[in-house]
């Protein structure tokens, strides 16, 4: 109901006749993951993971995060086996971390 109310407001009073956004949808690129395909996303994550595995030290992952309901439900949704040890580098790579030479 609330969405319908805002939708009506935007289409009637939210935009004037000269507004450049009226009848102009948000570009799909703003709502997509980077990359052209799921393969690209997985490839770049794997590349980041490989770079992190070459590091001698990585930051510790907060145990509260690892035990959080959100993280555990994400693991379950991904089909991660229960009680299987999680590589901290994998978490960092999934979050966009990458090791680069300085």
C-alpha atoms as a PDB file:
ATOM      1  CA  UNK A   1       0.000   0.000   0.000  1.00  0.00           C
ATOM      2  CA  UNK A   2       2.726   2.469   0.942  1.00  0.00           C
ATOM      3  CA  UNK A   3       4.672   1.665  -2.230  1.00  0.00           C
ATOM      4  CA  UNK A   4       1.562   2.312  -4.326  1.00  0.00           C
ATOM      5  CA  UNK A   5       1.065   5.648  -2.556  1.00  0.00           C
ATOM      6  CA  UNK A   6       4.653   6.777  -3.306  1.00  0.00           C
ATOM      7  CA  UNK A   7       4.392   5.479  -6.847  1.00  0.00           C
ATOM      8  CA  UNK A   8       1.282   7.593  -7.415  1.00  0.00           C
ATOM      9  CA  UNK A   9       2.927  10.659  -5.886  1.00  0.00           C
ATOM     10  CA  UNK A  10       5.985  10.291  -8.097  1.00  0.00           C
ATOM     11  CA  UNK A  11       3.968   9.854 -11.259  1.00  0.00           C
ATOM     12  CA  UNK A  12       1.541  12.714 -10.550  1.00  0.00           C
ATOM     13  CA  UNK A  13       3.026  15.371  -8.290  1.00  0.00           C
ATOM     14  CA  UNK A  14       6.627  14.203  -7.840  1.00  0.00           C
ATOM     15  CA  UNK A  15       7.842  15.294 -11.264  1.00  0.00           C
ATOM     16  CA  UNK A  16       7.026  18.327 -13.327  1.00  0.00           C
ATOM     17  CA  UNK A  17       6.605  18.156 -17.105  1.00  0.00           C
ATOM     18  CA  UNK A  18      10.166  19.388 -17.642  1.00  0.00           C
ATOM     19  CA  UNK A  19      11.779  17.008 -15.143  1.00  0.00           C
ATOM     20  CA  UNK A  20      14.479  14.881 -16.856  1.00  0.00           C
ATOM     21  CA  UNK A  21      13.741  11.941 -14.522  1.00  0.00           C
ATOM     22  CA  UNK A  22      10.060  11.650 -15.366  1.00  0.00           C
ATOM     23  CA  UNK A  23       9.454   8.367 -17.211  1.00  0.00           C
ATOM     24  CA  UNK A  24      13.194   7.655 -17.060  1.00  0.00           C
ATOM     25  CA  UNK A  25      14.007   4.362 -15.306  1.00  0.00           C
ATOM     26  CA  UNK A  26      17.077   3.834 -13.149  1.00  0.00           C
ATOM     27  CA  UNK A  27      19.874   2.311 -15.256  1.00  0.00           C
ATOM     28  CA  UNK A  28      20.268  -1.419 -14.598  1.00  0.00           C
ATOM     29  CA  UNK A  29      23.985  -0.948 -13.998  1.00  0.00           C
ATOM     30  CA  UNK A  30      23.175   0.734 -10.681  1.00  0.00           C
ATOM     31  CA  UNK A  31      21.473  -2.376  -9.336  1.00  0.00           C
ATOM     32  CA  UNK A  32      23.774  -5.125 -10.625  1.00  0.00           C
ATOM     33  CA  UNK A  33      26.862  -6.742  -9.203  1.00  0.00           C
ATOM     34  CA  UNK A  34      30.082  -5.686 -10.873  1.00  0.00           C
ATOM     35  CA  UNK A  35      31.014  -7.801 -13.863  1.00  0.00           C
ATOM     36  CA  UNK A  36      29.088  -9.077 -16.809  1.00  0.00           C
ATOM     37  CA  UNK A  37      28.214 -12.458 -15.389  1.00  0.00           C
ATOM     38  CA  UNK A  38      28.299 -14.594 -12.284  1.00  0.00           C
ATOM     39  CA  UNK A  39      31.463 -16.141 -13.763  1.00  0.00           C
ATOM     40  CA  UNK A  40      33.158 -12.700 -13.715  1.00  0.00           C
ATOM     41  CA  UNK A  41      32.155 -12.155 -10.094  1.00  0.00           C
ATOM     42  CA  UNK A  42      33.440 -15.594  -9.033  1.00  0.00           C
ATOM     43  CA  UNK A  43      36.638 -15.198 -11.061  1.00  0.00           C
ATOM     44  CA  UNK A  44      37.462 -11.845  -9.453  1.00  0.00           C
ATOM     45  CA  UNK A  45      36.714 -13.246  -5.978  1.00  0.00           C
ATOM     46  CA  UNK A  46      39.020 -16.204  -6.673  1.00  0.00           C
ATOM     47  CA  UNK A  47      41.758 -13.819  -7.878  1.00  0.00           C
ATOM     48  CA  UNK A  48      41.426 -11.791  -4.654  1.00  0.00           C
ATOM     49  CA  UNK A  49      41.477 -15.002  -2.597  1.00  0.00           C
ATOM     50  CA  UNK A  50      44.707 -16.142  -4.282  1.00  0.00           C
ATOM     51  CA  UNK A  51      46.326 -12.786  -3.543  1.00  0.00           C
ATOM     52  CA  UNK A  52      45.299 -12.993   0.128  1.00  0.00           C
ATOM     53  CA  UNK A  53      46.663 -16.540   0.471  1.00  0.00           C
ATOM     54  CA  UNK A  54      50.108 -15.160  -0.381  1.00  0.00           C
ATOM     55  CA  UNK A  55      49.996 -12.864   2.658  1.00  0.00           C
ATOM     56  CA  UNK A  56      51.928 -13.844   5.751  1.00  0.00           C
ATOM     57  CA  UNK A  57      49.357 -12.221   8.039  1.00  0.00           C
ATOM     58  CA  UNK A  58      45.680 -11.340   7.670  1.00  0.00           C
ATOM     59  CA  UNK A  59      43.458  -9.391  10.038  1.00  0.00           C
ATOM     60  CA  UNK A  60      41.414 -11.450  12.458  1.00  0.00           C
ATOM     61  CA  UNK A  61      37.690 -11.794  11.799  1.00  0.00           C
ATOM     62  CA  UNK A  62      35.549 -10.851  14.784  1.00  0.00           C
ATOM     63  CA  UNK A  63      34.093 -14.014  16.353  1.00  0.00           C
ATOM     64  CA  UNK A  64      30.830 -12.151  16.999  1.00  0.00           C
ATOM     65  CA  UNK A  65      30.477 -11.719  13.244  1.00  0.00           C
ATOM     66  CA  UNK A  66      31.318 -15.383  12.557  1.00  0.00           C
ATOM     67  CA  UNK A  67      28.637 -16.462  15.031  1.00  0.00           C
ATOM     68  CA  UNK A  68      26.043 -13.906  13.968  1.00  0.00           C
ATOM     69  CA  UNK A  69      22.664 -15.048  12.719  1.00  0.00           C
ATOM     70  CA  UNK A  70      23.144 -13.133   9.461  1.00  0.00           C
ATOM     71  CA  UNK A  71      26.495 -14.754   8.668  1.00  0.00           C
ATOM     72  CA  UNK A  72      25.353 -18.254   9.601  1.00  0.00           C
ATOM     73  CA  UNK A  73      22.204 -17.922   7.495  1.00  0.00           C
ATOM     74  CA  UNK A  74      24.335 -16.729   4.539  1.00  0.00           C
ATOM     75  CA  UNK A  75      26.532 -19.825   4.918  1.00  0.00           C
ATOM     76  CA  UNK A  76      23.462 -22.037   5.013  1.00  0.00           C
ATOM     77  CA  UNK A  77      22.031 -20.359   1.913  1.00  0.00           C
ATOM     78  CA  UNK A  78      25.355 -20.915   0.121  1.00  0.00           C
ATOM     79  CA  UNK A  79      25.298 -24.601   1.055  1.00  0.00           C
ATOM     80  CA  UNK A  80      28.366 -24.376   3.298  1.00  0.00           C
ATOM     81  CA  UNK A  81      28.697 -27.597   5.365  1.00  0.00           C
ATOM     82  CA  UNK A  82      27.905 -27.097   9.032  1.00  0.00           C
ATOM     83  CA  UNK A  83      30.951 -26.875  11.303  1.00  0.00           C
ATOM     84  CA  UNK A  84      33.391 -26.764   8.372  1.00  0.00           C
ATOM     85  CA  UNK A  85      36.246 -24.373   9.149  1.00  0.00           C
ATOM     86  CA  UNK A  86      35.965 -21.095   7.272  1.00  0.00           C
ATOM     87  CA  UNK A  87      39.067 -19.617   5.678  1.00  0.00           C
ATOM     88  CA  UNK A  88      39.333 -15.986   6.859  1.00  0.00           C
ATOM     89  CA  UNK A  89      40.857 -15.084   3.469  1.00  0.00           C
ATOM     90  CA  UNK A  90      37.667 -16.290   1.792  1.00  0.00           C
ATOM     91  CA  UNK A  91      35.553 -13.921   3.868  1.00  0.00           C
ATOM     92  CA  UNK A  92      37.900 -11.029   3.138  1.00  0.00           C
ATOM     93  CA  UNK A  93      37.957 -11.826  -0.596  1.00  0.00           C
ATOM     94  CA  UNK A  94      34.150 -12.023  -0.696  1.00  0.00           C
ATOM     95  CA  UNK A  95      34.078  -8.568   0.909  1.00  0.00           C
ATOM     96  CA  UNK A  96      36.369  -7.144  -1.766  1.00  0.00           C
ATOM     97  CA  UNK A  97      39.746  -7.313  -0.035  1.00  0.00           C
ATOM     98  CA  UNK A  98      42.754  -7.902  -2.258  1.00  0.00           C
ATOM     99  CA  UNK A  99      46.463  -8.011  -1.456  1.00  0.00           C
ATOM    100  CA  UNK A 100      48.575  -5.699  -3.592  1.00  0.00           C
ATOM    101  CA  UNK A 101      52.298  -5.111  -3.483  1.00  0.00           C
ATOM    102  CA  UNK A 102      53.391  -1.802  -2.001  1.00  0.00           C
END
